[in-house]
């Protein structure tokens, strides 16, 4: 069975137009590649992070829930004067949206 990895790489070559990109690769030997080269200039790239596909999807969902949680909290707690709304850290730590925030079908 193939294992799919997602890797975020960063090209440090100042003359290259590429800075950061995500690479999705399937691997037959169950180990993600450890050395990456820039797809544009061929220079060695720095790895920011690397996850298997299941971990990647879990992190993407966590990020989406955090963004929605923050937006709804800010909407519900604004003071009407346009002042910035301080965001409690626990809002960004949610794994799921509260039932009261979910849309009715």
PDB file of N, CA and C in Angstrom:
ATOM      1  N   UNK A   1       0.838  -1.186   0.000  1.00  0.00           N
ATOM      2  CA  UNK A   1       0.000   0.000   0.000  1.00  0.00           C
ATOM      3  C   UNK A   1       0.881   1.247   0.000  1.00  0.00           C
ATOM      4  N   UNK A   2       0.526   2.184  -0.861  1.00  0.00           N
ATOM      5  CA  UNK A   2       1.286   3.423  -0.938  1.00  0.00           C
ATOM      6  C   UNK A   2       1.010   4.300   0.271  1.00  0.00           C
ATOM      7  N   UNK A   3       2.033   5.012   0.712  1.00  0.00           N
ATOM      8  CA  UNK A   3       1.876   6.016   1.755  1.00  0.00           C
ATOM      9  C   UNK A   3       2.080   7.362   1.074  1.00  0.00           C
ATOM     10  N   UNK A   4       1.175   8.291   1.347  1.00  0.00           N
ATOM     11  CA  UNK A   4       1.258   9.614   0.728  1.00  0.00           C
ATOM     12  C   UNK A   4       1.733  10.610   1.771  1.00  0.00           C
ATOM     13  N   UNK A   5       2.716  11.405   1.397  1.00  0.00           N
ATOM     14  CA  UNK A   5       3.276  12.424   2.276  1.00  0.00           C
ATOM     15  C   UNK A   5       3.065  13.806   1.665  1.00  0.00           C
ATOM     16  N   UNK A   6       2.871  14.797   2.530  1.00  0.00           N
ATOM     17  CA  UNK A   6       2.819  16.197   2.113  1.00  0.00           C
ATOM     18  C   UNK A   6       3.971  16.894   2.821  1.00  0.00           C
ATOM     19  N   UNK A   7       4.778  17.596   2.051  1.00  0.00           N
ATOM     20  CA  UNK A   7       5.955  18.269   2.589  1.00  0.00           C
ATOM     21  C   UNK A   7       5.941  19.726   2.153  1.00  0.00           C
ATOM     22  N   UNK A   8       6.179  20.634   3.101  1.00  0.00           N
ATOM     23  CA  UNK A   8       6.327  22.039   2.743  1.00  0.00           C
ATOM     24  C   UNK A   8       7.814  22.335   2.672  1.00  0.00           C
ATOM     25  N   UNK A   9       8.254  22.772   1.488  1.00  0.00           N
ATOM     26  CA  UNK A   9       9.670  23.093   1.296  1.00  0.00           C
ATOM     27  C   UNK A   9       9.822  24.585   1.020  1.00  0.00           C
ATOM     28  N   UNK A  10      11.039  25.073   1.282  1.00  0.00           N
ATOM     29  CA  UNK A  10      11.344  26.490   1.139  1.00  0.00           C
ATOM     30  C   UNK A  10      12.678  26.626   0.427  1.00  0.00           C
ATOM     31  N   UNK A  11      12.663  27.338  -0.703  1.00  0.00           N
ATOM     32  CA  UNK A  11      13.903  27.571  -1.445  1.00  0.00           C
ATOM     33  C   UNK A  11      14.604  28.793  -0.863  1.00  0.00           C
ATOM     34  N   UNK A  12      15.840  28.592  -0.435  1.00  0.00           N
ATOM     35  CA  UNK A  12      16.600  29.690   0.171  1.00  0.00           C
ATOM     36  C   UNK A  12      17.469  30.445  -0.828  1.00  0.00           C
ATOM     37  N   UNK A  13      17.406  30.062  -2.101  1.00  0.00           N
ATOM     38  CA  UNK A  13      18.190  30.728  -3.136  1.00  0.00           C
ATOM     39  C   UNK A  13      17.588  32.112  -3.390  1.00  0.00           C
ATOM     40  N   UNK A  14      18.307  33.187  -3.067  1.00  0.00           N
ATOM     41  CA  UNK A  14      17.748  34.537  -3.214  1.00  0.00           C
ATOM     42  C   UNK A  14      17.458  34.922  -4.670  1.00  0.00           C
ATOM     43  N   UNK A  15      18.068  34.239  -5.628  1.00  0.00           N
ATOM     44  CA  UNK A  15      17.843  34.547  -7.039  1.00  0.00           C
ATOM     45  C   UNK A  15      16.654  33.777  -7.619  1.00  0.00           C
ATOM     46  N   UNK A  16      16.086  32.862  -6.849  1.00  0.00           N
ATOM     47  CA  UNK A  16      14.982  32.020  -7.322  1.00  0.00           C
ATOM     48  C   UNK A  16      13.642  32.667  -7.002  1.00  0.00           C
ATOM     49  N   UNK A  17      12.683  32.527  -7.910  1.00  0.00           N
ATOM     50  CA  UNK A  17      11.343  33.087  -7.704  1.00  0.00           C
ATOM     51  C   UNK A  17      10.523  32.247  -6.727  1.00  0.00           C
ATOM     52  N   UNK A  18      10.868  30.990  -6.547  1.00  0.00           N
ATOM     53  CA  UNK A  18      10.121  30.117  -5.636  1.00  0.00           C
ATOM     54  C   UNK A  18      10.566  30.386  -4.209  1.00  0.00           C
ATOM     55  N   UNK A  19       9.607  30.505  -3.305  1.00  0.00           N
ATOM     56  CA  UNK A  19       9.934  30.650  -1.899  1.00  0.00           C
ATOM     57  C   UNK A  19       9.461  29.424  -1.133  1.00  0.00           C
ATOM     58  N   UNK A  20       8.204  29.110  -1.267  1.00  0.00           N
ATOM     59  CA  UNK A  20       7.622  28.047  -0.469  1.00  0.00           C
ATOM     60  C   UNK A  20       6.621  27.285  -1.331  1.00  0.00           C
ATOM     61  N   UNK A  21       6.608  25.968  -1.197  1.00  0.00           N
ATOM     62  CA  UNK A  21       5.598  25.177  -1.894  1.00  0.00           C
ATOM     63  C   UNK A  21       5.353  23.879  -1.142  1.00  0.00           C
ATOM     64  N   UNK A  22       4.170  23.317  -1.360  1.00  0.00           N
ATOM     65  CA  UNK A  22       3.822  22.032  -0.783  1.00  0.00           C
ATOM     66  C   UNK A  22       3.970  20.978  -1.865  1.00  0.00           C
ATOM     67  N   UNK A  23       4.594  19.875  -1.495  1.00  0.00           N
ATOM     68  CA  UNK A  23       4.801  18.775  -2.422  1.00  0.00           C
ATOM     69  C   UNK A  23       4.075  17.557  -1.884  1.00  0.00           C
ATOM     70  N   UNK A  24       3.247  16.941  -2.735  1.00  0.00           N
ATOM     71  CA  UNK A  24       2.532  15.729  -2.356  1.00  0.00           C
ATOM     72  C   UNK A  24       3.185  14.585  -3.130  1.00  0.00           C
ATOM     73  N   UNK A  25       3.614  13.565  -2.386  1.00  0.00           N
ATOM     74  CA  UNK A  25       4.333  12.467  -3.026  1.00  0.00           C
ATOM     75  C   UNK A  25       3.880  11.135  -2.442  1.00  0.00           C
ATOM     76  N   UNK A  26       3.736  10.143  -3.307  1.00  0.00           N
ATOM     77  CA  UNK A  26       3.452   8.806  -2.798  1.00  0.00           C
ATOM     78  C   UNK A  26       4.770   8.045  -2.757  1.00  0.00           C
ATOM     79  N   UNK A  27       4.918   7.234  -1.747  1.00  0.00           N
ATOM     80  CA  UNK A  27       6.163   6.507  -1.536  1.00  0.00           C
ATOM     81  C   UNK A  27       5.858   5.032  -1.347  1.00  0.00           C
ATOM     82  N   UNK A  28       6.593   4.217  -2.020  1.00  0.00           N
ATOM     83  CA  UNK A  28       6.370   2.786  -1.923  1.00  0.00           C
ATOM     84  C   UNK A  28       7.067   2.173  -0.714  1.00  0.00           C
ATOM     85  N   UNK A  29       8.108   2.819  -0.209  1.00  0.00           N
ATOM     86  CA  UNK A  29       8.872   2.229   0.899  1.00  0.00           C
ATOM     87  C   UNK A  29       8.463   2.783   2.266  1.00  0.00           C
ATOM     88  N   UNK A  30       7.384   3.547   2.326  1.00  0.00           N
ATOM     89  CA  UNK A  30       6.798   4.056   3.575  1.00  0.00           C
ATOM     90  C   UNK A  30       7.651   5.109   4.286  1.00  0.00           C
ATOM     91  N   UNK A  31       8.685   5.624   3.644  1.00  0.00           N
ATOM     92  CA  UNK A  31       9.509   6.688   4.214  1.00  0.00           C
ATOM     93  C   UNK A  31       9.459   7.895   3.295  1.00  0.00           C
ATOM     94  N   UNK A  32       9.222   9.034   3.858  1.00  0.00           N
ATOM     95  CA  UNK A  32       9.191  10.259   3.059  1.00  0.00           C
ATOM     96  C   UNK A  32      10.610  10.652   2.664  1.00  0.00           C
ATOM     97  N   UNK A  33      10.758  11.255   1.479  1.00  0.00           N
ATOM     98  CA  UNK A  33      12.085  11.749   1.095  1.00  0.00           C
ATOM     99  C   UNK A  33      12.588  12.763   2.116  1.00  0.00           C
ATOM    100  N   UNK A  34      13.887  12.797   2.342  1.00  0.00           N
ATOM    101  CA  UNK A  34      14.443  13.722   3.324  1.00  0.00           C
ATOM    102  C   UNK A  34      15.201  14.876   2.672  1.00  0.00           C
ATOM    103  N   UNK A  35      15.554  14.740   1.418  1.00  0.00           N
ATOM    104  CA  UNK A  35      16.268  15.802   0.711  1.00  0.00           C
ATOM    105  C   UNK A  35      15.412  16.256  -0.466  1.00  0.00           C
ATOM    106  N   UNK A  36      15.202  17.563  -0.537  1.00  0.00           N
ATOM    107  CA  UNK A  36      14.374  18.121  -1.586  1.00  0.00           C
ATOM    108  C   UNK A  36      15.142  19.170  -2.369  1.00  0.00           C
ATOM    109  N   UNK A  37      14.864  19.237  -3.666  1.00  0.00           N
ATOM    110  CA  UNK A  37      15.439  20.273  -4.517  1.00  0.00           C
ATOM    111  C   UNK A  37      14.321  21.122  -5.062  1.00  0.00           C
ATOM    112  N   UNK A  38      14.613  22.399  -5.240  1.00  0.00           N
ATOM    113  CA  UNK A  38      13.629  23.348  -5.736  1.00  0.00           C
ATOM    114  C   UNK A  38      13.167  22.947  -7.140  1.00  0.00           C
ATOM    115  N   UNK A  39      11.860  22.959  -7.388  1.00  0.00           N
ATOM    116  CA  UNK A  39      11.378  22.602  -8.720  1.00  0.00           C
ATOM    117  C   UNK A  39      11.744  23.629  -9.788  1.00  0.00           C
ATOM    118  N   UNK A  40      12.106  24.838  -9.380  1.00  0.00           N
ATOM    119  CA  UNK A  40      12.435  25.886 -10.354  1.00  0.00           C
ATOM    120  C   UNK A  40      13.933  25.993 -10.622  1.00  0.00           C
ATOM    121  N   UNK A  41      14.747  26.054  -9.557  1.00  0.00           N
ATOM    122  CA  UNK A  41      16.179  26.312  -9.760  1.00  0.00           C
ATOM    123  C   UNK A  41      17.072  25.100  -9.500  1.00  0.00           C
ATOM    124  N   UNK A  42      16.538  24.078  -8.854  1.00  0.00           N
ATOM    125  CA  UNK A  42      17.314  22.870  -8.591  1.00  0.00           C
ATOM    126  C   UNK A  42      18.192  22.929  -7.354  1.00  0.00           C
ATOM    127  N   UNK A  43      18.178  24.056  -6.640  1.00  0.00           N
ATOM    128  CA  UNK A  43      18.967  24.168  -5.404  1.00  0.00           C
ATOM    129  C   UNK A  43      18.303  23.362  -4.289  1.00  0.00           C
ATOM    130  N   UNK A  44      19.108  22.987  -3.287  1.00  0.00           N
ATOM    131  CA  UNK A  44      18.573  22.255  -2.143  1.00  0.00           C
ATOM    132  C   UNK A  44      17.596  23.141  -1.376  1.00  0.00           C
ATOM    133  N   UNK A  45      16.485  22.542  -0.931  1.00  0.00           N
ATOM    134  CA  UNK A  45      15.462  23.271  -0.190  1.00  0.00           C
ATOM    135  C   UNK A  45      15.464  22.870   1.275  1.00  0.00           C
ATOM    136  N   UNK A  46      15.018  23.789   2.096  1.00  0.00           N
ATOM    137  CA  UNK A  46      14.807  23.543   3.520  1.00  0.00           C
ATOM    138  C   UNK A  46      13.402  22.960   3.692  1.00  0.00           C
ATOM    139  N   UNK A  47      13.255  21.979   4.575  1.00  0.00           N
ATOM    140  CA  UNK A  47      11.953  21.397   4.859  1.00  0.00           C
ATOM    141  C   UNK A  47      11.358  22.105   6.073  1.00  0.00           C
ATOM    142  N   UNK A  48      10.182  22.724   5.889  1.00  0.00           N
ATOM    143  CA  UNK A  48       9.485  23.352   7.017  1.00  0.00           C
ATOM    144  C   UNK A  48       8.764  22.307   7.846  1.00  0.00           C
ATOM    145  N   UNK A  49       8.031  21.422   7.180  1.00  0.00           N
ATOM    146  CA  UNK A  49       7.338  20.337   7.873  1.00  0.00           C
ATOM    147  C   UNK A  49       7.019  19.241   6.873  1.00  0.00           C
ATOM    148  N   UNK A  50       6.727  18.066   7.436  1.00  0.00           N
ATOM    149  CA  UNK A  50       6.398  16.909   6.609  1.00  0.00           C
ATOM    150  C   UNK A  50       5.387  16.057   7.370  1.00  0.00           C
ATOM    151  N   UNK A  51       4.289  15.692   6.705  1.00  0.00           N
ATOM    152  CA  UNK A  51       3.235  14.898   7.347  1.00  0.00           C
ATOM    153  C   UNK A  51       2.739  13.835   6.380  1.00  0.00           C
ATOM    154  N   UNK A  52       2.215  12.731   6.949  1.00  0.00           N
ATOM    155  CA  UNK A  52       1.524  11.813   6.056  1.00  0.00           C
ATOM    156  C   UNK A  52       0.169  12.441   5.732  1.00  0.00           C
ATOM    157  N   UNK A  53      -0.527  11.890   4.758  1.00  0.00           N
ATOM    158  CA  UNK A  53      -1.747  12.530   4.273  1.00  0.00           C
ATOM    159  C   UNK A  53      -2.823  12.625   5.354  1.00  0.00           C
ATOM    160  N   UNK A  54      -2.936  11.608   6.198  1.00  0.00           N
ATOM    161  CA  UNK A  54      -3.922  11.643   7.283  1.00  0.00           C
ATOM    162  C   UNK A  54      -3.613  12.781   8.259  1.00  0.00           C
ATOM    163  N   UNK A  55      -2.350  12.927   8.638  1.00  0.00           N
ATOM    164  CA  UNK A  55      -1.946  14.011   9.538  1.00  0.00           C
ATOM    165  C   UNK A  55      -2.185  15.373   8.884  1.00  0.00           C
ATOM    166  N   UNK A  56      -1.905  15.461   7.590  1.00  0.00           N
ATOM    167  CA  UNK A  56      -2.087  16.708   6.844  1.00  0.00           C
ATOM    168  C   UNK A  56      -3.557  17.131   6.863  1.00  0.00           C
ATOM    169  N   UNK A  57      -4.460  16.181   6.566  1.00  0.00           N
ATOM    170  CA  UNK A  57      -5.891  16.504   6.556  1.00  0.00           C
ATOM    171  C   UNK A  57      -6.388  16.894   7.948  1.00  0.00           C
ATOM    172  N   UNK A  58      -5.883  16.216   8.969  1.00  0.00           N
ATOM    173  CA  UNK A  58      -6.259  16.550  10.350  1.00  0.00           C
ATOM    174  C   UNK A  58      -5.824  17.985  10.688  1.00  0.00           C
ATOM    175  N   UNK A  59      -4.614  18.357  10.298  1.00  0.00           N
ATOM    176  CA  UNK A  59      -4.091  19.703  10.570  1.00  0.00           C
ATOM    177  C   UNK A  59      -4.860  20.761   9.774  1.00  0.00           C
ATOM    178  N   UNK A  60      -5.207  20.454   8.528  1.00  0.00           N
ATOM    179  CA  UNK A  60      -5.990  21.384   7.719  1.00  0.00           C
ATOM    180  C   UNK A  60      -7.361  21.627   8.353  1.00  0.00           C
ATOM    181  N   UNK A  61      -7.999  20.572   8.859  1.00  0.00           N
ATOM    182  CA  UNK A  61      -9.293  20.711   9.515  1.00  0.00           C
ATOM    183  C   UNK A  61      -9.163  21.521  10.799  1.00  0.00           C
ATOM    184  N   UNK A  62      -8.100  21.263  11.586  1.00  0.00           N
ATOM    185  CA  UNK A  62      -7.884  22.015  12.815  1.00  0.00           C
ATOM    186  C   UNK A  62      -7.706  23.503  12.501  1.00  0.00           C
ATOM    187  N   UNK A  63      -6.952  23.803  11.463  1.00  0.00           N
ATOM    188  CA  UNK A  63      -6.726  25.195  11.064  1.00  0.00           C
ATOM    189  C   UNK A  63      -8.043  25.847  10.627  1.00  0.00           C
ATOM    190  N   UNK A  64      -8.849  25.133   9.867  1.00  0.00           N
ATOM    191  CA  UNK A  64     -10.134  25.675   9.410  1.00  0.00           C
ATOM    192  C   UNK A  64     -11.054  25.954  10.595  1.00  0.00           C
ATOM    193  N   UNK A  65     -11.129  25.024  11.549  1.00  0.00           N
ATOM    194  CA  UNK A  65     -11.974  25.215  12.740  1.00  0.00           C
ATOM    195  C   UNK A  65     -11.471  26.424  13.534  1.00  0.00           C
ATOM    196  N   UNK A  66     -10.157  26.578  13.667  1.00  0.00           N
ATOM    197  CA  UNK A  66      -9.594  27.716  14.397  1.00  0.00           C
ATOM    198  C   UNK A  66      -9.955  29.035  13.714  1.00  0.00           C
ATOM    199  N   UNK A  67      -9.863  29.090  12.390  1.00  0.00           N
ATOM    200  CA  UNK A  67     -10.203  30.323  11.658  1.00  0.00           C
ATOM    201  C   UNK A  67     -11.673  30.672  11.813  1.00  0.00           C
ATOM    202  N   UNK A  68     -12.547  29.667  11.678  1.00  0.00           N
ATOM    203  CA  UNK A  68     -13.979  29.915  11.826  1.00  0.00           C
ATOM    204  C   UNK A  68     -14.299  30.315  13.270  1.00  0.00           C
ATOM    205  N   UNK A  69     -13.701  29.622  14.231  1.00  0.00           N
ATOM    206  CA  UNK A  69     -13.924  29.953  15.642  1.00  0.00           C
ATOM    207  C   UNK A  69     -13.519  31.398  15.935  1.00  0.00           C
ATOM    208  N   UNK A  70     -12.372  31.809  15.425  1.00  0.00           N
ATOM    209  CA  UNK A  70     -11.898  33.180  15.647  1.00  0.00           C
ATOM    210  C   UNK A  70     -12.832  34.188  14.998  1.00  0.00           C
ATOM    211  N   UNK A  71     -13.258  33.924  13.777  1.00  0.00           N
ATOM    212  CA  UNK A  71     -14.145  34.859  13.078  1.00  0.00           C
ATOM    213  C   UNK A  71     -15.488  35.001  13.799  1.00  0.00           C
ATOM    214  N   UNK A  72     -16.064  33.887  14.230  1.00  0.00           N
ATOM    215  CA  UNK A  72     -17.355  33.939  14.915  1.00  0.00           C
ATOM    216  C   UNK A  72     -17.214  34.619  16.278  1.00  0.00           C
ATOM    217  N   UNK A  73     -16.120  34.317  16.992  1.00  0.00           N
ATOM    218  CA  UNK A  73     -15.898  34.968  18.294  1.00  0.00           C
ATOM    219  C   UNK A  73     -15.788  36.483  18.115  1.00  0.00           C
ATOM    220  N   UNK A  74     -15.016  36.904  17.110  1.00  0.00           N
ATOM    221  CA  UNK A  74     -14.858  38.346  16.870  1.00  0.00           C
ATOM    222  C   UNK A  74     -16.188  38.990  16.493  1.00  0.00           C
ATOM    223  N   UNK A  75     -16.971  38.311  15.654  1.00  0.00           N
ATOM    224  CA  UNK A  75     -18.282  38.841  15.268  1.00  0.00           C
ATOM    225  C   UNK A  75     -19.196  38.996  16.487  1.00  0.00           C
ATOM    226  N   UNK A  76     -19.190  37.996  17.348  1.00  0.00           N
ATOM    227  CA  UNK A  76     -20.094  37.997  18.503  1.00  0.00           C
ATOM    228  C   UNK A  76     -19.617  38.886  19.649  1.00  0.00           C
ATOM    229  N   UNK A  77     -18.370  39.347  19.636  1.00  0.00           N
ATOM    230  CA  UNK A  77     -17.823  40.115  20.753  1.00  0.00           C
ATOM    231  C   UNK A  77     -17.343  41.508  20.373  1.00  0.00           C
ATOM    232  N   UNK A  78     -17.688  41.989  19.218  1.00  0.00           N
ATOM    233  CA  UNK A  78     -17.265  43.357  18.856  1.00  0.00           C
ATOM    234  C   UNK A  78     -18.082  44.369  19.647  1.00  0.00           C
ATOM    235  N   UNK A  79     -17.498  45.519  19.852  1.00  0.00           N
ATOM    236  CA  UNK A  79     -18.129  46.513  20.727  1.00  0.00           C
ATOM    237  C   UNK A  79     -18.874  47.606  19.967  1.00  0.00           C
ATOM    238  N   UNK A  80     -18.908  47.524  18.674  1.00  0.00           N
ATOM    239  CA  UNK A  80     -19.639  48.524  17.892  1.00  0.00           C
ATOM    240  C   UNK A  80     -18.827  49.744  17.518  1.00  0.00           C
ATOM    241  N   UNK A  81     -17.655  49.913  18.111  1.00  0.00           N
ATOM    242  CA  UNK A  81     -16.804  51.075  17.801  1.00  0.00           C
ATOM    243  C   UNK A  81     -15.711  50.719  16.796  1.00  0.00           C
ATOM    244  N   UNK A  82     -15.608  49.469  16.409  1.00  0.00           N
ATOM    245  CA  UNK A  82     -14.569  49.065  15.471  1.00  0.00           C
ATOM    246  C   UNK A  82     -13.244  48.731  16.133  1.00  0.00           C
ATOM    247  N   UNK A  83     -13.243  48.684  17.475  1.00  0.00           N
ATOM    248  CA  UNK A  83     -12.009  48.337  18.184  1.00  0.00           C
ATOM    249  C   UNK A  83     -11.648  46.879  17.912  1.00  0.00           C
ATOM    250  N   UNK A  84     -10.359  46.552  17.902  1.00  0.00           N
ATOM    251  CA  UNK A  84      -9.959  45.153  17.747  1.00  0.00           C
ATOM    252  C   UNK A  84     -10.504  44.309  18.905  1.00  0.00           C
ATOM    253  N   UNK A  85     -10.876  43.094  18.607  1.00  0.00           N
ATOM    254  CA  UNK A  85     -11.402  42.179  19.627  1.00  0.00           C
ATOM    255  C   UNK A  85     -10.265  41.284  20.096  1.00  0.00           C
ATOM    256  N   UNK A  86      -9.917  41.354  21.390  1.00  0.00           N
ATOM    257  CA  UNK A  86      -8.884  40.445  21.894  1.00  0.00           C
ATOM    258  C   UNK A  86      -9.375  39.000  21.772  1.00  0.00           C
ATOM    259  N   UNK A  87      -8.535  38.146  21.278  1.00  0.00           N
ATOM    260  CA  UNK A  87      -8.915  36.753  21.027  1.00  0.00           C
ATOM    261  C   UNK A  87      -8.298  35.849  22.084  1.00  0.00           C
ATOM    262  N   UNK A  88      -9.122  35.206  22.935  1.00  0.00           N
ATOM    263  CA  UNK A  88      -8.581  34.275  23.926  1.00  0.00           C
ATOM    264  C   UNK A  88      -7.930  33.081  23.238  1.00  0.00           C
ATOM    265  N   UNK A  89      -6.833  32.610  23.777  1.00  0.00           N
ATOM    266  CA  UNK A  89      -6.084  31.503  23.162  1.00  0.00           C
ATOM    267  C   UNK A  89      -6.920  30.242  23.016  1.00  0.00           C
ATOM    268  N   UNK A  90      -7.842  30.010  23.970  1.00  0.00           N
ATOM    269  CA  UNK A  90      -8.617  28.765  23.902  1.00  0.00           C
ATOM    270  C   UNK A  90      -9.503  28.690  22.661  1.00  0.00           C
ATOM    271  N   UNK A  91      -9.826  29.831  22.080  1.00  0.00           N
ATOM    272  CA  UNK A  91     -10.642  29.844  20.856  1.00  0.00           C
ATOM    273  C   UNK A  91      -9.893  29.138  19.724  1.00  0.00           C
ATOM    274  N   UNK A  92      -8.588  29.349  19.647  1.00  0.00           N
ATOM    275  CA  UNK A  92      -7.796  28.734  18.571  1.00  0.00           C
ATOM    276  C   UNK A  92      -7.443  27.274  18.844  1.00  0.00           C
ATOM    277  N   UNK A  93      -7.753  26.789  20.044  1.00  0.00           N
ATOM    278  CA  UNK A  93      -7.417  25.410  20.408  1.00  0.00           C
ATOM    279  C   UNK A  93      -8.574  24.445  20.171  1.00  0.00           C
ATOM    280  N   UNK A  94      -9.693  24.928  19.686  1.00  0.00           N
ATOM    281  CA  UNK A  94     -10.863  24.068  19.486  1.00  0.00           C
ATOM    282  C   UNK A  94     -10.607  23.039  18.391  1.00  0.00           C
ATOM    283  N   UNK A  95     -11.136  21.837  18.607  1.00  0.00           N
ATOM    284  CA  UNK A  95     -11.061  20.785  17.594  1.00  0.00           C
ATOM    285  C   UNK A  95     -12.326  20.738  16.744  1.00  0.00           C
ATOM    286  N   UNK A  96     -13.437  21.186  17.327  1.00  0.00           N
ATOM    287  CA  UNK A  96     -14.710  21.213  16.610  1.00  0.00           C
ATOM    288  C   UNK A  96     -15.431  22.504  16.958  1.00  0.00           C
ATOM    289  N   UNK A  97     -16.350  22.870  16.118  1.00  0.00           N
ATOM    290  CA  UNK A  97     -17.146  24.054  16.397  1.00  0.00           C
ATOM    291  C   UNK A  97     -18.219  23.713  17.421  1.00  0.00           C
ATOM    292  N   UNK A  98     -18.531  24.632  18.338  1.00  0.00           N
ATOM    293  CA  UNK A  98     -19.634  24.394  19.268  1.00  0.00           C
ATOM    294  C   UNK A  98     -20.941  24.214  18.493  1.00  0.00           C
ATOM    295  N   UNK A  99     -21.831  23.365  18.990  1.00  0.00           N
ATOM    296  CA  UNK A  99     -23.106  23.113  18.317  1.00  0.00           C
ATOM    297  C   UNK A  99     -23.882  24.396  18.083  1.00  0.00           C
ATOM    298  N   UNK A 100     -23.803  25.343  19.023  1.00  0.00           N
ATOM    299  CA  UNK A 100     -24.548  26.595  18.886  1.00  0.00           C
ATOM    300  C   UNK A 100     -24.068  27.436  17.702  1.00  0.00           C
ATOM    301  N   UNK A 101     -22.883  27.134  17.170  1.00  0.00           N
ATOM    302  CA  UNK A 101     -22.346  27.900  16.043  1.00  0.00           C
ATOM    303  C   UNK A 101     -22.630  27.244  14.700  1.00  0.00           C
ATOM    304  N   UNK A 102     -23.079  26.005  14.726  1.00  0.00           N
ATOM    305  CA  UNK A 102     -23.299  25.285  13.472  1.00  0.00           C
ATOM    306  C   UNK A 102     -24.574  25.770  12.802  1.00  0.00           C
ATOM    307  N   UNK A 103     -24.548  25.790  11.496  1.00  0.00           N
ATOM    308  CA  UNK A 103     -25.720  26.204  10.745  1.00  0.00           C
ATOM    309  C   UNK A 103     -26.791  25.135  10.805  1.00  0.00           C
ATOM    310  N   UNK A 104     -28.013  25.571  10.878  1.00  0.00           N
ATOM    311  CA  UNK A 104     -29.138  24.620  10.862  1.00  0.00           C
ATOM    312  C   UNK A 104     -29.331  24.138   9.428  1.00  0.00           C
ATOM    313  N   UNK A 105     -29.642  22.833   9.238  1.00  0.00           N
ATOM    314  CA  UNK A 105     -29.843  22.323   7.855  1.00  0.00           C
ATOM    315  C   UNK A 105     -31.104  22.858   7.226  1.00  0.00           C
TER     316      UNK A 105
END
